[in-house]
């Protein structure tokens, strides 16, 4: 993931662990690296948080 985003592994590790939050631009870049449309990623998050 870090390589695909062009950021250090420590950057990815911090948001994986919850130490850092992503802003909308960064979230869009992560979605692109995962080949998932941003709206789909956000929809899945909303669905999970409503359970």
PDB file of N, CA and C in Angstrom:
ATOM      1  N   UNK A   1       0.827  -1.178   0.000  1.00  0.00           N
ATOM      2  CA  UNK A   1       0.000   0.000   0.000  1.00  0.00           C
ATOM      3  C   UNK A   1       0.875   1.247   0.000  1.00  0.00           C
ATOM      4  N   UNK A   2       1.872   1.276   0.858  1.00  0.00           N
ATOM      5  CA  UNK A   2       2.748   2.450   0.932  1.00  0.00           C
ATOM      6  C   UNK A   2       3.406   2.728  -0.419  1.00  0.00           C
ATOM      7  N   UNK A   3       3.878   1.680  -1.056  1.00  0.00           N
ATOM      8  CA  UNK A   3       4.515   1.854  -2.365  1.00  0.00           C
ATOM      9  C   UNK A   3       3.516   2.415  -3.372  1.00  0.00           C
ATOM     10  N   UNK A   4       2.300   1.882  -3.389  1.00  0.00           N
ATOM     11  CA  UNK A   4       1.271   2.350  -4.326  1.00  0.00           C
ATOM     12  C   UNK A   4       0.899   3.810  -4.081  1.00  0.00           C
ATOM     13  N   UNK A   5       0.949   4.224  -2.822  1.00  0.00           N
ATOM     14  CA  UNK A   5       0.611   5.607  -2.474  1.00  0.00           C
ATOM     15  C   UNK A   5       1.808   6.549  -2.577  1.00  0.00           C
ATOM     16  N   UNK A   6       3.017   5.976  -2.633  1.00  0.00           N
ATOM     17  CA  UNK A   6       4.215   6.802  -2.688  1.00  0.00           C
ATOM     18  C   UNK A   6       4.524   7.473  -1.354  1.00  0.00           C
ATOM     19  N   UNK A   7       4.218   6.753  -0.270  1.00  0.00           N
ATOM     20  CA  UNK A   7       4.463   7.285   1.075  1.00  0.00           C
ATOM     21  C   UNK A   7       5.263   6.263   1.869  1.00  0.00           C
ATOM     22  N   UNK A   8       5.884   6.673   2.972  1.00  0.00           N
ATOM     23  CA  UNK A   8       6.619   5.720   3.807  1.00  0.00           C
ATOM     24  C   UNK A   8       5.670   4.708   4.460  1.00  0.00           C
ATOM     25  N   UNK A   9       6.176   3.529   4.754  1.00  0.00           N
ATOM     26  CA  UNK A   9       5.387   2.502   5.428  1.00  0.00           C
ATOM     27  C   UNK A   9       4.873   3.007   6.771  1.00  0.00           C
ATOM     28  N   UNK A  10       5.649   3.842   7.440  1.00  0.00           N
ATOM     29  CA  UNK A  10       5.222   4.372   8.741  1.00  0.00           C
ATOM     30  C   UNK A  10       3.934   5.187   8.616  1.00  0.00           C
ATOM     31  N   UNK A  11       3.751   5.861   7.483  1.00  0.00           N
ATOM     32  CA  UNK A  11       2.528   6.630   7.230  1.00  0.00           C
ATOM     33  C   UNK A  11       1.326   5.692   7.210  1.00  0.00           C
ATOM     34  N   UNK A  12       1.439   4.600   6.469  1.00  0.00           N
ATOM     35  CA  UNK A  12       0.354   3.626   6.362  1.00  0.00           C
ATOM     36  C   UNK A  12       0.121   2.960   7.714  1.00  0.00           C
ATOM     37  N   UNK A  13       1.178   2.612   8.394  1.00  0.00           N
ATOM     38  CA  UNK A  13       1.066   1.962   9.699  1.00  0.00           C
ATOM     39  C   UNK A  13       0.298   2.829  10.690  1.00  0.00           C
ATOM     40  N   UNK A  14       0.519   4.128  10.648  1.00  0.00           N
ATOM     41  CA  UNK A  14      -0.153   5.033  11.591  1.00  0.00           C
ATOM     42  C   UNK A  14      -1.653   5.095  11.352  1.00  0.00           C
ATOM     43  N   UNK A  15      -2.094   5.067  10.095  1.00  0.00           N
ATOM     44  CA  UNK A  15      -3.546   5.088   9.925  1.00  0.00           C
ATOM     45  C   UNK A  15      -4.156   3.709  10.060  1.00  0.00           C
ATOM     46  N   UNK A  16      -3.378   2.657   9.851  1.00  0.00           N
ATOM     47  CA  UNK A  16      -3.876   1.306  10.119  1.00  0.00           C
ATOM     48  C   UNK A  16      -4.108   1.097  11.611  1.00  0.00           C
ATOM     49  N   UNK A  17      -3.246   1.675  12.432  1.00  0.00           N
ATOM     50  CA  UNK A  17      -3.353   1.501  13.885  1.00  0.00           C
ATOM     51  C   UNK A  17      -4.300   2.504  14.534  1.00  0.00           C
ATOM     52  N   UNK A  18      -4.769   3.485  13.772  1.00  0.00           N
ATOM     53  CA  UNK A  18      -5.656   4.499  14.315  1.00  0.00           C
ATOM     54  C   UNK A  18      -4.935   5.678  14.928  1.00  0.00           C
ATOM     55  N   UNK A  19      -3.606   5.676  14.836  1.00  0.00           N
ATOM     56  CA  UNK A  19      -2.815   6.786  15.375  1.00  0.00           C
ATOM     57  C   UNK A  19      -2.995   8.049  14.546  1.00  0.00           C
ATOM     58  N   UNK A  20      -3.341   7.872  13.282  1.00  0.00           N
ATOM     59  CA  UNK A  20      -3.502   8.985  12.356  1.00  0.00           C
ATOM     60  C   UNK A  20      -4.798   8.791  11.588  1.00  0.00           C
ATOM     61  N   UNK A  21      -5.493   9.870  11.303  1.00  0.00           N
ATOM     62  CA  UNK A  21      -6.708   9.816  10.494  1.00  0.00           C
ATOM     63  C   UNK A  21      -6.420  10.371   9.110  1.00  0.00           C
ATOM     64  N   UNK A  22      -7.150   9.856   8.145  1.00  0.00           N
ATOM     65  CA  UNK A  22      -6.987  10.317   6.775  1.00  0.00           C
ATOM     66  C   UNK A  22      -7.948  11.454   6.474  1.00  0.00           C
ATOM     67  N   UNK A  23      -7.488  12.432   5.718  1.00  0.00           N
ATOM     68  CA  UNK A  23      -8.427  13.432   5.230  1.00  0.00           C
ATOM     69  C   UNK A  23      -9.069  12.884   3.950  1.00  0.00           C
ATOM     70  N   UNK A  24     -10.007  13.596   3.405  1.00  0.00           N
ATOM     71  CA  UNK A  24     -10.771  13.104   2.259  1.00  0.00           C
ATOM     72  C   UNK A  24      -9.883  12.858   1.038  1.00  0.00           C
ATOM     73  N   UNK A  25      -8.931  13.719   0.805  1.00  0.00           N
ATOM     74  CA  UNK A  25      -8.022  13.554  -0.338  1.00  0.00           C
ATOM     75  C   UNK A  25      -7.211  12.270  -0.170  1.00  0.00           C
ATOM     76  N   UNK A  26      -6.688  12.040   1.034  1.00  0.00           N
ATOM     77  CA  UNK A  26      -5.902  10.828   1.289  1.00  0.00           C
ATOM     78  C   UNK A  26      -6.773   9.582   1.179  1.00  0.00           C
ATOM     79  N   UNK A  27      -8.015   9.662   1.662  1.00  0.00           N
ATOM     80  CA  UNK A  27      -8.925   8.532   1.565  1.00  0.00           C
ATOM     81  C   UNK A  27      -9.215   8.191   0.106  1.00  0.00           C
ATOM     82  N   UNK A  28      -9.361   9.204  -0.720  1.00  0.00           N
ATOM     83  CA  UNK A  28      -9.577   8.985  -2.156  1.00  0.00           C
ATOM     84  C   UNK A  28      -8.369   8.281  -2.772  1.00  0.00           C
ATOM     85  N   UNK A  29      -7.168   8.665  -2.366  1.00  0.00           N
ATOM     86  CA  UNK A  29      -5.948   8.032  -2.877  1.00  0.00           C
ATOM     87  C   UNK A  29      -5.871   6.568  -2.430  1.00  0.00           C
ATOM     88  N   UNK A  30      -6.247   6.285  -1.190  1.00  0.00           N
ATOM     89  CA  UNK A  30      -6.260   4.910  -0.684  1.00  0.00           C
ATOM     90  C   UNK A  30      -7.272   4.080  -1.467  1.00  0.00           C
ATOM     91  N   UNK A  31      -8.447   4.632  -1.684  1.00  0.00           N
ATOM     92  CA  UNK A  31      -9.464   3.922  -2.467  1.00  0.00           C
ATOM     93  C   UNK A  31      -8.927   3.599  -3.860  1.00  0.00           C
ATOM     94  N   UNK A  32      -8.257   4.546  -4.470  1.00  0.00           N
ATOM     95  CA  UNK A  32      -7.674   4.317  -5.795  1.00  0.00           C
ATOM     96  C   UNK A  32      -6.618   3.225  -5.765  1.00  0.00           C
ATOM     97  N   UNK A  33      -5.791   3.208  -4.730  1.00  0.00           N
ATOM     98  CA  UNK A  33      -4.754   2.181  -4.601  1.00  0.00           C
ATOM     99  C   UNK A  33      -5.375   0.799  -4.416  1.00  0.00           C
ATOM    100  N   UNK A  34      -6.568   0.764  -3.812  1.00  0.00           N
ATOM    101  CA  UNK A  34      -7.280  -0.500  -3.617  1.00  0.00           C
ATOM    102  C   UNK A  34      -8.166  -0.857  -4.808  1.00  0.00           C
ATOM    103  N   UNK A  35      -8.213   0.031  -5.792  1.00  0.00           N
ATOM    104  CA  UNK A  35      -9.084  -0.135  -6.973  1.00  0.00           C
ATOM    105  C   UNK A  35     -10.550  -0.250  -6.570  1.00  0.00           C
ATOM    106  N   UNK A  36     -10.928   0.563  -5.582  1.00  0.00           N
ATOM    107  CA  UNK A  36     -12.304   0.605  -5.095  1.00  0.00           C
ATOM    108  C   UNK A  36     -12.794   2.046  -5.237  1.00  0.00           C
ATOM    109  N   UNK A  37     -13.960   2.256  -5.837  1.00  0.00           N
ATOM    110  CA  UNK A  37     -14.478   3.627  -5.911  1.00  0.00           C
ATOM    111  C   UNK A  37     -14.666   4.209  -4.505  1.00  0.00           C
ATOM    112  N   UNK A  38     -14.345   5.475  -4.349  1.00  0.00           N
ATOM    113  CA  UNK A  38     -14.444   6.128  -3.049  1.00  0.00           C
ATOM    114  C   UNK A  38     -15.840   5.973  -2.456  1.00  0.00           C
ATOM    115  N   UNK A  39     -16.872   6.148  -3.259  1.00  0.00           N
ATOM    116  CA  UNK A  39     -18.241   6.046  -2.750  1.00  0.00           C
ATOM    117  C   UNK A  39     -18.528   4.642  -2.219  1.00  0.00           C
ATOM    118  N   UNK A  40     -17.952   3.629  -2.848  1.00  0.00           N
ATOM    119  CA  UNK A  40     -18.139   2.258  -2.382  1.00  0.00           C
ATOM    120  C   UNK A  40     -17.439   2.044  -1.033  1.00  0.00           C
ATOM    121  N   UNK A  41     -16.251   2.582  -0.908  1.00  0.00           N
ATOM    122  CA  UNK A  41     -15.500   2.473   0.349  1.00  0.00           C
ATOM    123  C   UNK A  41     -16.252   3.166   1.484  1.00  0.00           C
ATOM    124  N   UNK A  42     -16.749   4.353   1.230  1.00  0.00           N
ATOM    125  CA  UNK A  42     -17.480   5.100   2.252  1.00  0.00           C
ATOM    126  C   UNK A  42     -18.802   4.403   2.575  1.00  0.00           C
ATOM    127  N   UNK A  43     -19.486   3.899   1.579  1.00  0.00           N
ATOM    128  CA  UNK A  43     -20.747   3.186   1.803  1.00  0.00           C
ATOM    129  C   UNK A  43     -20.532   1.961   2.687  1.00  0.00           C
ATOM    130  N   UNK A  44     -19.456   1.227   2.445  1.00  0.00           N
ATOM    131  CA  UNK A  44     -19.148   0.057   3.267  1.00  0.00           C
ATOM    132  C   UNK A  44     -18.862   0.476   4.709  1.00  0.00           C
ATOM    133  N   UNK A  45     -18.171   1.588   4.883  1.00  0.00           N
ATOM    134  CA  UNK A  45     -17.886   2.095   6.231  1.00  0.00           C
ATOM    135  C   UNK A  45     -19.182   2.456   6.947  1.00  0.00           C
ATOM    136  N   UNK A  46     -20.067   3.151   6.268  1.00  0.00           N
ATOM    137  CA  UNK A  46     -21.337   3.573   6.859  1.00  0.00           C
ATOM    138  C   UNK A  46     -22.166   2.344   7.221  1.00  0.00           C
ATOM    139  N   UNK A  47     -22.225   1.366   6.331  1.00  0.00           N
ATOM    140  CA  UNK A  47     -22.987   0.150   6.602  1.00  0.00           C
ATOM    141  C   UNK A  47     -22.440  -0.573   7.833  1.00  0.00           C
ATOM    142  N   UNK A  48     -21.116  -0.663   7.951  1.00  0.00           N
ATOM    143  CA  UNK A  48     -20.499  -1.317   9.109  1.00  0.00           C
ATOM    144  C   UNK A  48     -20.767  -0.555  10.404  1.00  0.00           C
ATOM    145  N   UNK A  49     -20.760   0.757  10.336  1.00  0.00           N
ATOM    146  CA  UNK A  49     -20.965   1.547  11.555  1.00  0.00           C
ATOM    147  C   UNK A  49     -22.424   1.564  11.989  1.00  0.00           C
ATOM    148  N   UNK A  50     -23.326   1.159  11.112  1.00  0.00           N
ATOM    149  CA  UNK A  50     -24.757   1.110  11.465  1.00  0.00           C
ATOM    150  C   UNK A  50     -25.160  -0.241  12.050  1.00  0.00           C
ATOM    151  N   UNK A  51     -24.240  -1.168  12.141  1.00  0.00           N
ATOM    152  CA  UNK A  51     -24.558  -2.500  12.676  1.00  0.00           C
ATOM    153  C   UNK A  51     -24.535  -2.509  14.166  1.00  0.00           C
TER     154      UNK A  51
END
